[in-house]
Amino acid sequence: MEDKGKSYEELVAELEKLVGGIEDPAKSLSDVSKDVKKAMELLAQCREKLRESEEQVKRSLEQ
């Protein structure tokens, strides 16, 4: 995944931009399909970053 080095905030901003484009009625179905696929990848990355952050917090609290 090409966005692996991006921060959570950058991923969310890109996701918000994609959602705005998906809602554009003038956009072709093919483009919407590509954007939905990309959005799903970004969501997975956001979830992973949140999971990693949660683990870090748990480890910090255990010390």
C-alpha atoms as a PDB file:
ATOM      1  CA  MET A   1       0.000   0.000   0.000  1.00  0.00           C
ATOM      2  CA  GLU A   2       1.495   3.231  -1.118  1.00  0.00           C
ATOM      3  CA  ASP A   3       0.119   5.328   1.754  1.00  0.00           C
ATOM      4  CA  LYS A   4       1.829   3.310   4.506  1.00  0.00           C
ATOM      5  CA  GLY A   5       4.093   6.190   5.555  1.00  0.00           C
ATOM      6  CA  LYS A   6       1.272   8.707   5.887  1.00  0.00           C
ATOM      7  CA  SER A   7      -0.014   9.873   9.237  1.00  0.00           C
ATOM      8  CA  TYR A   8      -3.506   9.056  10.458  1.00  0.00           C
ATOM      9  CA  GLU A   9      -4.542  12.664   9.832  1.00  0.00           C
ATOM     10  CA  GLU A  10      -3.242  12.574   6.251  1.00  0.00           C
ATOM     11  CA  LEU A  11      -5.086   9.320   5.588  1.00  0.00           C
ATOM     12  CA  VAL A  12      -8.339  10.749   6.968  1.00  0.00           C
ATOM     13  CA  ALA A  13      -7.976  13.897   4.849  1.00  0.00           C
ATOM     14  CA  GLU A  14      -7.457  11.788   1.728  1.00  0.00           C
ATOM     15  CA  LEU A  15     -10.434   9.636   2.684  1.00  0.00           C
ATOM     16  CA  GLU A  16     -12.636  12.711   3.123  1.00  0.00           C
ATOM     17  CA  LYS A  17     -11.578  13.973  -0.300  1.00  0.00           C
ATOM     18  CA  LEU A  18     -12.441  10.618  -1.871  1.00  0.00           C
ATOM     19  CA  VAL A  19     -15.854  10.546  -0.211  1.00  0.00           C
ATOM     20  CA  GLY A  20     -16.587  14.000  -1.599  1.00  0.00           C
ATOM     21  CA  GLY A  21     -15.716  12.750  -5.065  1.00  0.00           C
ATOM     22  CA  ILE A  22     -17.787   9.601  -4.696  1.00  0.00           C
ATOM     23  CA  GLU A  23     -20.818  11.761  -3.925  1.00  0.00           C
ATOM     24  CA  ASP A  24     -20.381  13.694  -7.206  1.00  0.00           C
ATOM     25  CA  PRO A  25     -23.264  12.625  -9.473  1.00  0.00           C
ATOM     26  CA  ALA A  26     -21.259  13.553 -12.577  1.00  0.00           C
ATOM     27  CA  LYS A  27     -18.561  10.991 -11.782  1.00  0.00           C
ATOM     28  CA  SER A  28     -18.530   7.819 -13.866  1.00  0.00           C
ATOM     29  CA  LEU A  29     -19.344   4.484 -12.272  1.00  0.00           C
ATOM     30  CA  SER A  30     -15.859   3.241 -13.128  1.00  0.00           C
ATOM     31  CA  ASP A  31     -14.238   6.154 -11.302  1.00  0.00           C
ATOM     32  CA  VAL A  32     -16.560   5.746  -8.326  1.00  0.00           C
ATOM     33  CA  SER A  33     -15.652   2.064  -8.168  1.00  0.00           C
ATOM     34  CA  LYS A  34     -11.927   2.906  -8.121  1.00  0.00           C
ATOM     35  CA  ASP A  35     -12.470   5.528  -5.441  1.00  0.00           C
ATOM     36  CA  VAL A  36     -14.478   3.127  -3.279  1.00  0.00           C
ATOM     37  CA  LYS A  37     -11.678   0.560  -3.523  1.00  0.00           C
ATOM     38  CA  LYS A  38      -9.109   3.198  -2.551  1.00  0.00           C
ATOM     39  CA  ALA A  39     -11.332   4.384   0.313  1.00  0.00           C
ATOM     40  CA  MET A  40     -11.530   0.831   1.646  1.00  0.00           C
ATOM     41  CA  GLU A  41      -7.718   0.599   1.578  1.00  0.00           C
ATOM     42  CA  LEU A  42      -7.430   3.911   3.414  1.00  0.00           C
ATOM     43  CA  LEU A  43      -9.957   2.780   6.022  1.00  0.00           C
ATOM     44  CA  ALA A  44      -7.941  -0.376   6.630  1.00  0.00           C
ATOM     45  CA  GLN A  45      -4.818   1.719   7.131  1.00  0.00           C
ATOM     46  CA  CYS A  46      -6.642   4.064   9.517  1.00  0.00           C
ATOM     47  CA  ARG A  47      -7.884   1.109  11.550  1.00  0.00           C
ATOM     48  CA  GLU A  48      -4.356  -0.314  11.713  1.00  0.00           C
ATOM     49  CA  LYS A  49      -2.926   3.001  12.903  1.00  0.00           C
ATOM     50  CA  LEU A  50      -5.634   3.246  15.574  1.00  0.00           C
ATOM     51  CA  ARG A  51      -4.924  -0.336  16.691  1.00  0.00           C
ATOM     52  CA  GLU A  52      -1.198   0.415  16.922  1.00  0.00           C
ATOM     53  CA  SER A  53      -1.891   3.553  18.952  1.00  0.00           C
ATOM     54  CA  GLU A  54      -4.173   1.641  21.292  1.00  0.00           C
ATOM     55  CA  GLU A  55      -1.464  -0.969  21.861  1.00  0.00           C
ATOM     56  CA  GLN A  56       1.091   1.747  22.611  1.00  0.00           C
ATOM     57  CA  VAL A  57      -1.232   3.339  25.155  1.00  0.00           C
ATOM     58  CA  LYS A  58      -1.895  -0.025  26.812  1.00  0.00           C
ATOM     59  CA  ARG A  59       1.845  -0.743  27.025  1.00  0.00           C
ATOM     60  CA  SER A  60       2.466   2.702  28.507  1.00  0.00           C
ATOM     61  CA  LEU A  61      -0.209   2.185  31.130  1.00  0.00           C
ATOM     62  CA  GLU A  62       1.207  -1.205  32.084  1.00  0.00           C
ATOM     63  CA  GLN A  63       4.614   0.240  32.901  1.00  0.00           C
END
